[in-house]
Amino acid sequence: MVASSRGQSERAVRLFGAAEALGEAMGTPQAPSNRAAFAPDLADARRRLGEGAFAAAWAGGCAMTLDEATAYALAGEAEGATPDQRPSAGRQRSPLTRREREVASLIAQGSTNHEIADELVVSQRTVEAHVANILAKLGFTSRAQVAAWAVEHGLPHSQSHSAD
């Protein structure tokens, strides 16, 4: 969604394709509400790129491994942001607690609630509560929105995983 909002249509399609394929491979396909949220971005990208380039970008994204997709997403974030868009530690205080930022970071890395619970050594129910709090605090309805927010705020790079 970040790439799409920046007019990076090919990049957005590759990332959407990667997210779709990886979700299917992990047994966590995109929810219909997520697909509906992405539909306008994908339609715009299809219009901008044309059918052939769109299909090629989608196929390229679908062929990525989790590590490749993560590296591709993070590399583009660093390259695509102008200096005033890059996260700055002192610019704005996050509405999330340190633990919620850790959870958001892991969401952005594609982790499931179960994987997050294992990584942070907490129960899956605790992770579910953190995810619900994150969604409420940020006014979001999907993990994809949380992931985009985390990337915009540089969270995938901060992985301290210490308890609050």
N, C-alpha and C. Protein backbone atom coordinates (compact mmCIF):
# COMPACT_ATOMS: atom_id res chain seq x y z
N MET A 1 0.83 -1.19 0.00
CA MET A 1 0.00 0.00 0.00
C MET A 1 0.87 1.25 0.00
N VAL A 2 2.03 1.18 0.65
CA VAL A 2 2.94 2.32 0.67
C VAL A 2 3.45 2.60 -0.74
N ALA A 3 3.91 1.56 -1.43
CA ALA A 3 4.41 1.73 -2.80
C ALA A 3 3.32 2.27 -3.70
N SER A 4 2.13 1.78 -3.56
CA SER A 4 1.01 2.25 -4.37
C SER A 4 0.72 3.72 -4.11
N SER A 5 0.75 4.11 -2.85
CA SER A 5 0.47 5.51 -2.51
C SER A 5 1.54 6.45 -3.05
N ARG A 6 2.72 5.91 -3.32
CA ARG A 6 3.82 6.70 -3.88
C ARG A 6 3.85 6.64 -5.41
N GLY A 7 2.86 5.98 -6.01
CA GLY A 7 2.82 5.88 -7.46
C GLY A 7 3.78 4.86 -8.03
N GLN A 8 4.29 3.96 -7.20
CA GLN A 8 5.22 2.93 -7.65
C GLN A 8 4.42 1.68 -8.00
N SER A 9 3.74 1.75 -9.14
CA SER A 9 2.78 0.71 -9.51
C SER A 9 3.40 -0.67 -9.65
N GLU A 10 4.50 -0.79 -10.38
CA GLU A 10 5.11 -2.11 -10.57
C GLU A 10 5.54 -2.70 -9.24
N ARG A 11 6.17 -1.88 -8.42
CA ARG A 11 6.62 -2.31 -7.10
C ARG A 11 5.44 -2.76 -6.24
N ALA A 12 4.38 -1.98 -6.28
CA ALA A 12 3.18 -2.31 -5.49
C ALA A 12 2.61 -3.66 -5.93
N VAL A 13 2.53 -3.88 -7.23
CA VAL A 13 1.97 -5.14 -7.73
C VAL A 13 2.85 -6.31 -7.31
N ARG A 14 4.18 -6.15 -7.40
CA ARG A 14 5.08 -7.23 -6.96
C ARG A 14 4.85 -7.54 -5.48
N LEU A 15 4.72 -6.51 -4.66
CA LEU A 15 4.53 -6.73 -3.23
C LEU A 15 3.16 -7.32 -2.92
N PHE A 16 2.13 -6.86 -3.62
CA PHE A 16 0.80 -7.46 -3.44
C PHE A 16 0.83 -8.93 -3.85
N GLY A 17 1.50 -9.23 -4.97
CA GLY A 17 1.62 -10.62 -5.43
C GLY A 17 2.36 -11.48 -4.43
N ALA A 18 3.45 -10.94 -3.89
CA ALA A 18 4.22 -11.68 -2.89
C ALA A 18 3.37 -11.94 -1.65
N ALA A 19 2.66 -10.93 -1.19
CA ALA A 19 1.81 -11.08 0.00
C ALA A 19 0.74 -12.14 -0.23
N GLU A 20 0.13 -12.10 -1.39
CA GLU A 20 -0.91 -13.07 -1.71
C GLU A 20 -0.35 -14.49 -1.72
N ALA A 21 0.74 -14.70 -2.45
CA ALA A 21 1.32 -16.04 -2.57
C ALA A 21 1.87 -16.55 -1.25
N LEU A 22 2.54 -15.69 -0.50
CA LEU A 22 3.10 -16.12 0.78
C LEU A 22 1.99 -16.44 1.78
N GLY A 23 0.94 -15.65 1.78
CA GLY A 23 -0.19 -15.94 2.66
C GLY A 23 -0.81 -17.29 2.35
N GLU A 24 -1.00 -17.57 1.08
CA GLU A 24 -1.53 -18.87 0.67
C GLU A 24 -0.60 -20.00 1.10
N ALA A 25 0.71 -19.80 0.87
CA ALA A 25 1.69 -20.84 1.21
C ALA A 25 1.75 -21.11 2.71
N MET A 26 1.49 -20.09 3.52
CA MET A 26 1.54 -20.24 4.98
C MET A 26 0.19 -20.65 5.54
N GLY A 27 -0.80 -20.80 4.68
CA GLY A 27 -2.11 -21.20 5.15
C GLY A 27 -2.90 -20.06 5.77
N THR A 28 -2.51 -18.82 5.47
CA THR A 28 -3.23 -17.65 5.97
C THR A 28 -3.56 -16.73 4.79
N PRO A 29 -4.49 -17.18 3.94
CA PRO A 29 -4.82 -16.35 2.77
C PRO A 29 -5.41 -15.01 3.19
N GLN A 30 -5.31 -14.05 2.27
CA GLN A 30 -5.86 -12.72 2.53
C GLN A 30 -7.36 -12.81 2.83
N ALA A 31 -7.79 -12.08 3.81
CA ALA A 31 -9.21 -12.00 4.14
C ALA A 31 -9.91 -11.21 3.03
N PRO A 32 -11.17 -11.51 2.76
CA PRO A 32 -11.90 -10.76 1.75
C PRO A 32 -11.87 -9.25 1.98
N SER A 33 -11.89 -8.82 3.23
CA SER A 33 -11.83 -7.38 3.51
C SER A 33 -10.49 -6.79 3.10
N ASN A 34 -9.40 -7.56 3.25
CA ASN A 34 -8.09 -7.08 2.80
C ASN A 34 -8.06 -6.99 1.28
N ARG A 35 -8.58 -8.02 0.63
CA ARG A 35 -8.62 -7.99 -0.84
C ARG A 35 -9.42 -6.78 -1.32
N ALA A 36 -10.51 -6.49 -0.65
CA ALA A 36 -11.34 -5.34 -1.04
C ALA A 36 -10.57 -4.04 -0.82
N ALA A 37 -9.77 -3.98 0.24
CA ALA A 37 -8.99 -2.76 0.51
C ALA A 37 -7.92 -2.55 -0.55
N PHE A 38 -7.34 -3.65 -1.07
CA PHE A 38 -6.29 -3.55 -2.09
C PHE A 38 -6.84 -3.35 -3.49
N ALA A 39 -8.10 -3.71 -3.72
CA ALA A 39 -8.66 -3.71 -5.08
C ALA A 39 -8.47 -2.38 -5.83
N PRO A 40 -8.75 -1.23 -5.21
CA PRO A 40 -8.55 0.03 -5.96
C PRO A 40 -7.10 0.25 -6.36
N ASP A 41 -6.16 -0.09 -5.47
CA ASP A 41 -4.74 0.07 -5.79
C ASP A 41 -4.34 -0.85 -6.94
N LEU A 42 -4.82 -2.09 -6.90
CA LEU A 42 -4.49 -3.03 -7.98
C LEU A 42 -5.12 -2.60 -9.30
N ALA A 43 -6.35 -2.12 -9.26
CA ALA A 43 -7.00 -1.65 -10.49
C ALA A 43 -6.26 -0.47 -11.09
N ASP A 44 -5.82 0.44 -10.24
CA ASP A 44 -5.05 1.59 -10.70
C ASP A 44 -3.73 1.15 -11.31
N ALA A 45 -3.05 0.22 -10.64
CA ALA A 45 -1.77 -0.29 -11.15
C ALA A 45 -1.96 -1.00 -12.49
N ARG A 46 -3.02 -1.77 -12.62
CA ARG A 46 -3.30 -2.48 -13.88
C ARG A 46 -3.51 -1.47 -15.01
N ARG A 47 -4.22 -0.39 -14.70
CA ARG A 47 -4.47 0.66 -15.69
C ARG A 47 -3.17 1.35 -16.09
N ARG A 48 -2.33 1.65 -15.10
CA ARG A 48 -1.07 2.35 -15.37
C ARG A 48 -0.06 1.48 -16.13
N LEU A 49 0.03 0.21 -15.74
CA LEU A 49 1.05 -0.67 -16.30
C LEU A 49 0.64 -1.35 -17.59
N GLY A 50 -0.64 -1.58 -17.76
CA GLY A 50 -1.10 -2.41 -18.86
C GLY A 50 -1.11 -3.87 -18.40
N GLU A 51 -1.89 -4.68 -19.10
CA GLU A 51 -2.09 -6.06 -18.66
C GLU A 51 -0.80 -6.87 -18.63
N GLY A 52 0.04 -6.75 -19.64
CA GLY A 52 1.28 -7.54 -19.70
C GLY A 52 2.24 -7.23 -18.57
N ALA A 53 2.51 -5.96 -18.36
CA ALA A 53 3.44 -5.56 -17.30
C ALA A 53 2.86 -5.89 -15.92
N PHE A 54 1.54 -5.72 -15.78
CA PHE A 54 0.89 -6.06 -14.52
C PHE A 54 1.07 -7.55 -14.23
N ALA A 55 0.79 -8.39 -15.22
CA ALA A 55 0.91 -9.85 -15.03
C ALA A 55 2.34 -10.25 -14.72
N ALA A 56 3.31 -9.61 -15.38
CA ALA A 56 4.71 -9.92 -15.13
C ALA A 56 5.11 -9.53 -13.70
N ALA A 57 4.67 -8.36 -13.27
CA ALA A 57 5.00 -7.90 -11.91
C ALA A 57 4.35 -8.82 -10.88
N TRP A 58 3.09 -9.19 -11.11
CA TRP A 58 2.37 -10.08 -10.19
C TRP A 58 3.10 -11.42 -10.09
N ALA A 59 3.47 -11.98 -11.23
CA ALA A 59 4.16 -13.27 -11.26
C ALA A 59 5.51 -13.16 -10.54
N GLY A 60 6.21 -12.06 -10.74
CA GLY A 60 7.49 -11.85 -10.06
C GLY A 60 7.31 -11.82 -8.55
N GLY A 61 6.26 -11.16 -8.09
CA GLY A 61 5.99 -11.13 -6.66
C GLY A 61 5.60 -12.49 -6.12
N CYS A 62 4.78 -13.21 -6.87
CA CYS A 62 4.35 -14.54 -6.43
C CYS A 62 5.51 -15.52 -6.33
N ALA A 63 6.56 -15.29 -7.10
CA ALA A 63 7.72 -16.19 -7.11
C ALA A 63 8.70 -15.90 -5.97
N MET A 64 8.52 -14.81 -5.25
CA MET A 64 9.46 -14.45 -4.18
C MET A 64 9.30 -15.34 -2.95
N THR A 65 10.44 -15.61 -2.32
CA THR A 65 10.41 -16.26 -1.00
C THR A 65 10.09 -15.18 0.03
N LEU A 66 9.82 -15.59 1.25
CA LEU A 66 9.55 -14.62 2.32
C LEU A 66 10.75 -13.69 2.51
N ASP A 67 11.94 -14.26 2.53
CA ASP A 67 13.14 -13.43 2.70
C ASP A 67 13.32 -12.46 1.55
N GLU A 68 13.09 -12.93 0.32
CA GLU A 68 13.22 -12.05 -0.85
C GLU A 68 12.20 -10.92 -0.80
N ALA A 69 10.95 -11.26 -0.46
CA ALA A 69 9.90 -10.25 -0.41
C ALA A 69 10.18 -9.22 0.69
N THR A 70 10.65 -9.69 1.83
CA THR A 70 10.97 -8.78 2.93
C THR A 70 12.11 -7.85 2.53
N ALA A 71 13.16 -8.41 1.95
CA ALA A 71 14.29 -7.59 1.52
C ALA A 71 13.86 -6.59 0.45
N TYR A 72 13.04 -7.03 -0.49
CA TYR A 72 12.55 -6.15 -1.56
C TYR A 72 11.73 -5.01 -0.97
N ALA A 73 10.85 -5.33 -0.05
CA ALA A 73 10.00 -4.30 0.57
C ALA A 73 10.84 -3.30 1.35
N LEU A 74 11.77 -3.80 2.13
CA LEU A 74 12.58 -2.91 2.97
C LEU A 74 13.57 -2.11 2.15
N ALA A 75 14.15 -2.69 1.11
CA ALA A 75 15.09 -1.96 0.26
C ALA A 75 14.38 -0.80 -0.43
N GLY A 76 13.21 -1.02 -0.90
CA GLY A 76 12.46 0.03 -1.58
C GLY A 76 12.02 1.12 -0.63
N GLU A 77 11.74 0.76 0.59
CA GLU A 77 11.35 1.76 1.58
C GLU A 77 12.49 2.73 1.79
N ALA A 78 13.70 2.22 1.92
CA ALA A 78 14.86 3.08 2.15
C ALA A 78 15.14 3.93 0.91
N GLU A 79 15.00 3.34 -0.29
CA GLU A 79 15.28 4.07 -1.53
C GLU A 79 14.17 5.02 -1.90
N GLY A 80 12.91 4.63 -1.59
CA GLY A 80 11.78 5.39 -2.08
C GLY A 80 11.38 6.58 -1.23
N ALA A 81 11.88 6.66 -0.03
CA ALA A 81 11.48 7.75 0.85
C ALA A 81 12.37 8.97 0.63
N THR A 82 11.74 10.11 0.57
CA THR A 82 12.51 11.34 0.52
C THR A 82 12.93 11.66 1.95
N PRO A 83 13.92 12.52 2.14
CA PRO A 83 14.39 12.79 3.50
C PRO A 83 13.29 13.20 4.47
N ASP A 84 12.30 13.94 4.02
CA ASP A 84 11.25 14.36 4.94
C ASP A 84 10.22 13.26 5.19
N GLN A 85 10.29 12.14 4.46
CA GLN A 85 9.38 11.02 4.68
C GLN A 85 10.02 9.94 5.53
N ARG A 86 11.35 9.93 5.65
CA ARG A 86 12.03 8.89 6.41
C ARG A 86 11.72 9.04 7.89
N PRO A 87 11.60 7.91 8.58
CA PRO A 87 11.32 7.99 10.01
C PRO A 87 12.43 8.71 10.76
N SER A 88 12.02 9.45 11.74
CA SER A 88 12.98 10.16 12.57
C SER A 88 12.62 9.89 14.01
N ALA A 89 13.60 9.45 14.77
CA ALA A 89 13.34 9.05 16.15
C ALA A 89 12.67 10.14 16.96
N GLY A 90 13.04 11.39 16.74
CA GLY A 90 12.50 12.45 17.56
C GLY A 90 11.33 13.18 16.95
N ARG A 91 10.95 12.82 15.71
CA ARG A 91 9.95 13.61 15.02
C ARG A 91 8.56 13.50 15.65
N GLN A 92 8.10 12.28 15.87
CA GLN A 92 6.74 12.12 16.36
C GLN A 92 6.67 10.90 17.27
N ARG A 93 6.03 11.07 18.39
CA ARG A 93 5.89 9.96 19.33
C ARG A 93 4.84 9.00 18.81
N SER A 94 5.15 7.72 18.85
CA SER A 94 4.24 6.69 18.39
C SER A 94 3.08 6.54 19.37
N PRO A 95 1.89 6.27 18.86
CA PRO A 95 0.75 6.02 19.75
C PRO A 95 0.82 4.63 20.37
N LEU A 96 1.77 3.81 19.91
CA LEU A 96 1.87 2.43 20.38
C LEU A 96 2.92 2.30 21.48
N THR A 97 2.70 1.33 22.36
CA THR A 97 3.71 1.02 23.37
C THR A 97 4.88 0.32 22.69
N ARG A 98 5.97 0.18 23.42
CA ARG A 98 7.14 -0.51 22.86
C ARG A 98 6.76 -1.93 22.43
N ARG A 99 6.03 -2.65 23.24
CA ARG A 99 5.63 -4.02 22.90
C ARG A 99 4.73 -4.03 21.67
N GLU A 100 3.80 -3.10 21.59
CA GLU A 100 2.93 -3.02 20.40
C GLU A 100 3.75 -2.72 19.15
N ARG A 101 4.76 -1.88 19.27
CA ARG A 101 5.64 -1.62 18.12
C ARG A 101 6.39 -2.89 17.71
N GLU A 102 6.80 -3.69 18.68
CA GLU A 102 7.45 -4.96 18.37
C GLU A 102 6.49 -5.88 17.62
N VAL A 103 5.26 -5.95 18.08
CA VAL A 103 4.26 -6.78 17.42
C VAL A 103 4.00 -6.26 16.00
N ALA A 104 3.86 -4.95 15.86
CA ALA A 104 3.64 -4.36 14.53
C ALA A 104 4.81 -4.67 13.60
N SER A 105 6.02 -4.61 14.14
CA SER A 105 7.21 -4.94 13.35
C SER A 105 7.16 -6.37 12.86
N LEU A 106 6.78 -7.28 13.72
CA LEU A 106 6.69 -8.68 13.34
C LEU A 106 5.55 -8.93 12.36
N ILE A 107 4.46 -8.19 12.49
CA ILE A 107 3.38 -8.27 11.50
C ILE A 107 3.93 -7.85 10.14
N ALA A 108 4.69 -6.77 10.11
CA ALA A 108 5.26 -6.27 8.85
C ALA A 108 6.22 -7.27 8.24
N GLN A 109 6.80 -8.12 9.05
CA GLN A 109 7.72 -9.14 8.55
C GLN A 109 6.97 -10.40 8.12
N GLY A 110 5.64 -10.37 8.24
CA GLY A 110 4.83 -11.49 7.78
C GLY A 110 4.57 -12.56 8.82
N SER A 111 4.87 -12.29 10.06
CA SER A 111 4.69 -13.30 11.11
C SER A 111 3.21 -13.47 11.47
N THR A 112 2.83 -14.69 11.76
CA THR A 112 1.48 -14.98 12.24
C THR A 112 1.43 -14.69 13.75
N ASN A 113 0.23 -14.68 14.31
CA ASN A 113 0.11 -14.48 15.76
C ASN A 113 0.87 -15.56 16.52
N HIS A 114 0.78 -16.79 16.05
CA HIS A 114 1.50 -17.89 16.71
C HIS A 114 3.00 -17.66 16.67
N GLU A 115 3.53 -17.25 15.52
CA GLU A 115 4.97 -16.98 15.39
C GLU A 115 5.40 -15.80 16.26
N ILE A 116 4.54 -14.78 16.33
CA ILE A 116 4.84 -13.62 17.18
C ILE A 116 4.88 -14.05 18.64
N ALA A 117 3.92 -14.87 19.04
CA ALA A 117 3.90 -15.36 20.43
C ALA A 117 5.18 -16.12 20.75
N ASP A 118 5.61 -16.98 19.85
CA ASP A 118 6.85 -17.73 20.06
C ASP A 118 8.05 -16.79 20.15
N GLU A 119 8.12 -15.83 19.23
CA GLU A 119 9.25 -14.89 19.18
C GLU A 119 9.34 -14.05 20.46
N LEU A 120 8.20 -13.59 20.94
CA LEU A 120 8.18 -12.69 22.10
C LEU A 120 8.00 -13.42 23.43
N VAL A 121 7.85 -14.73 23.36
CA VAL A 121 7.68 -15.58 24.54
C VAL A 121 6.48 -15.10 25.37
N VAL A 122 5.35 -15.01 24.69
CA VAL A 122 4.08 -14.67 25.33
C VAL A 122 3.03 -15.62 24.76
N SER A 123 1.84 -15.58 25.32
CA SER A 123 0.78 -16.44 24.80
C SER A 123 0.19 -15.85 23.51
N GLN A 124 -0.41 -16.72 22.73
CA GLN A 124 -1.05 -16.26 21.50
C GLN A 124 -2.21 -15.32 21.84
N ARG A 125 -2.87 -15.56 22.96
CA ARG A 125 -3.97 -14.69 23.39
C ARG A 125 -3.45 -13.28 23.68
N THR A 126 -2.24 -13.18 24.26
CA THR A 126 -1.63 -11.87 24.52
C THR A 126 -1.35 -11.16 23.20
N VAL A 127 -0.83 -11.90 22.23
CA VAL A 127 -0.56 -11.31 20.92
C VAL A 127 -1.87 -10.82 20.30
N GLU A 128 -2.91 -11.62 20.38
CA GLU A 128 -4.21 -11.22 19.83
C GLU A 128 -4.69 -9.91 20.47
N ALA A 129 -4.46 -9.77 21.77
CA ALA A 129 -4.84 -8.53 22.46
C ALA A 129 -4.00 -7.36 21.96
N HIS A 130 -2.70 -7.58 21.78
CA HIS A 130 -1.84 -6.52 21.24
C HIS A 130 -2.29 -6.11 19.84
N VAL A 131 -2.59 -7.09 19.00
CA VAL A 131 -3.03 -6.79 17.63
C VAL A 131 -4.33 -5.99 17.68
N ALA A 132 -5.26 -6.38 18.51
CA ALA A 132 -6.52 -5.65 18.64
C ALA A 132 -6.27 -4.21 19.11
N ASN A 133 -5.37 -4.03 20.06
CA ASN A 133 -5.03 -2.68 20.54
C ASN A 133 -4.41 -1.85 19.43
N ILE A 134 -3.50 -2.46 18.67
CA ILE A 134 -2.84 -1.75 17.57
C ILE A 134 -3.87 -1.29 16.55
N LEU A 135 -4.75 -2.21 16.16
CA LEU A 135 -5.79 -1.85 15.18
C LEU A 135 -6.65 -0.71 15.69
N ALA A 136 -7.03 -0.78 16.96
CA ALA A 136 -7.88 0.27 17.54
C ALA A 136 -7.15 1.60 17.63
N LYS A 137 -5.92 1.58 18.12
CA LYS A 137 -5.16 2.82 18.30
C LYS A 137 -4.88 3.52 16.97
N LEU A 138 -4.62 2.73 15.93
CA LEU A 138 -4.27 3.31 14.63
C LEU A 138 -5.50 3.51 13.74
N GLY A 139 -6.66 3.01 14.18
CA GLY A 139 -7.88 3.15 13.39
C GLY A 139 -7.87 2.28 12.14
N PHE A 140 -7.20 1.13 12.21
CA PHE A 140 -7.08 0.22 11.07
C PHE A 140 -8.02 -0.96 11.22
N THR A 141 -8.21 -1.67 10.11
CA THR A 141 -9.06 -2.85 10.11
C THR A 141 -8.33 -4.10 9.64
N SER A 142 -7.06 -3.98 9.24
CA SER A 142 -6.36 -5.15 8.73
C SER A 142 -4.89 -5.15 9.13
N ARG A 143 -4.32 -6.35 9.11
CA ARG A 143 -2.90 -6.52 9.39
C ARG A 143 -2.07 -5.86 8.29
N ALA A 144 -2.59 -5.84 7.07
CA ALA A 144 -1.86 -5.20 5.96
C ALA A 144 -1.67 -3.71 6.24
N GLN A 145 -2.69 -3.08 6.78
CA GLN A 145 -2.56 -1.66 7.12
C GLN A 145 -1.52 -1.47 8.22
N VAL A 146 -1.50 -2.38 9.19
CA VAL A 146 -0.51 -2.30 10.27
C VAL A 146 0.89 -2.48 9.68
N ALA A 147 1.03 -3.43 8.76
CA ALA A 147 2.33 -3.67 8.13
C ALA A 147 2.80 -2.44 7.37
N ALA A 148 1.92 -1.83 6.61
CA ALA A 148 2.28 -0.62 5.86
C ALA A 148 2.68 0.50 6.83
N TRP A 149 1.92 0.66 7.91
CA TRP A 149 2.24 1.68 8.91
C TRP A 149 3.61 1.40 9.52
N ALA A 150 3.87 0.14 9.85
CA ALA A 150 5.15 -0.22 10.47
C ALA A 150 6.32 0.10 9.54
N VAL A 151 6.15 -0.19 8.26
CA VAL A 151 7.22 0.10 7.29
C VAL A 151 7.41 1.61 7.19
N GLU A 152 6.31 2.36 7.11
CA GLU A 152 6.41 3.81 7.03
C GLU A 152 7.13 4.41 8.23
N HIS A 153 6.98 3.77 9.37
CA HIS A 153 7.58 4.29 10.60
C HIS A 153 8.90 3.60 10.96
N GLY A 154 9.44 2.82 10.03
CA GLY A 154 10.74 2.20 10.23
C GLY A 154 10.78 1.09 11.26
N LEU A 155 9.65 0.50 11.60
CA LEU A 155 9.63 -0.51 12.65
C LEU A 155 10.26 -1.84 12.29
N PRO A 156 10.21 -2.30 11.05
CA PRO A 156 10.82 -3.60 10.79
C PRO A 156 12.31 -3.65 11.10
N HIS A 157 12.94 -2.50 11.26
CA HIS A 157 14.36 -2.46 11.57
C HIS A 157 14.63 -2.56 13.06
N SER A 158 13.60 -2.29 13.89
CA SER A 158 13.82 -2.31 15.34
C SER A 158 13.26 -3.59 15.91
N GLN A 159 14.14 -4.49 16.33
CA GLN A 159 13.71 -5.79 16.81
C GLN A 159 14.33 -6.10 18.16
N SER A 160 14.05 -5.24 19.13
CA SER A 160 14.67 -5.43 20.45
C SER A 160 14.00 -6.53 21.26
N HIS A 161 12.71 -6.77 21.06
CA HIS A 161 11.95 -7.85 21.71
C HIS A 161 12.14 -7.96 23.22
N SER A 162 12.26 -6.86 23.88
CA SER A 162 12.33 -6.91 25.34
C SER A 162 10.95 -6.60 25.89
N ALA A 163 10.64 -7.15 27.04
CA ALA A 163 9.32 -6.96 27.62
C ALA A 163 9.15 -5.55 28.18
N ASP A 164 7.91 -5.06 28.15
CA ASP A 164 7.59 -3.77 28.75
C ASP A 164 7.55 -3.90 30.25
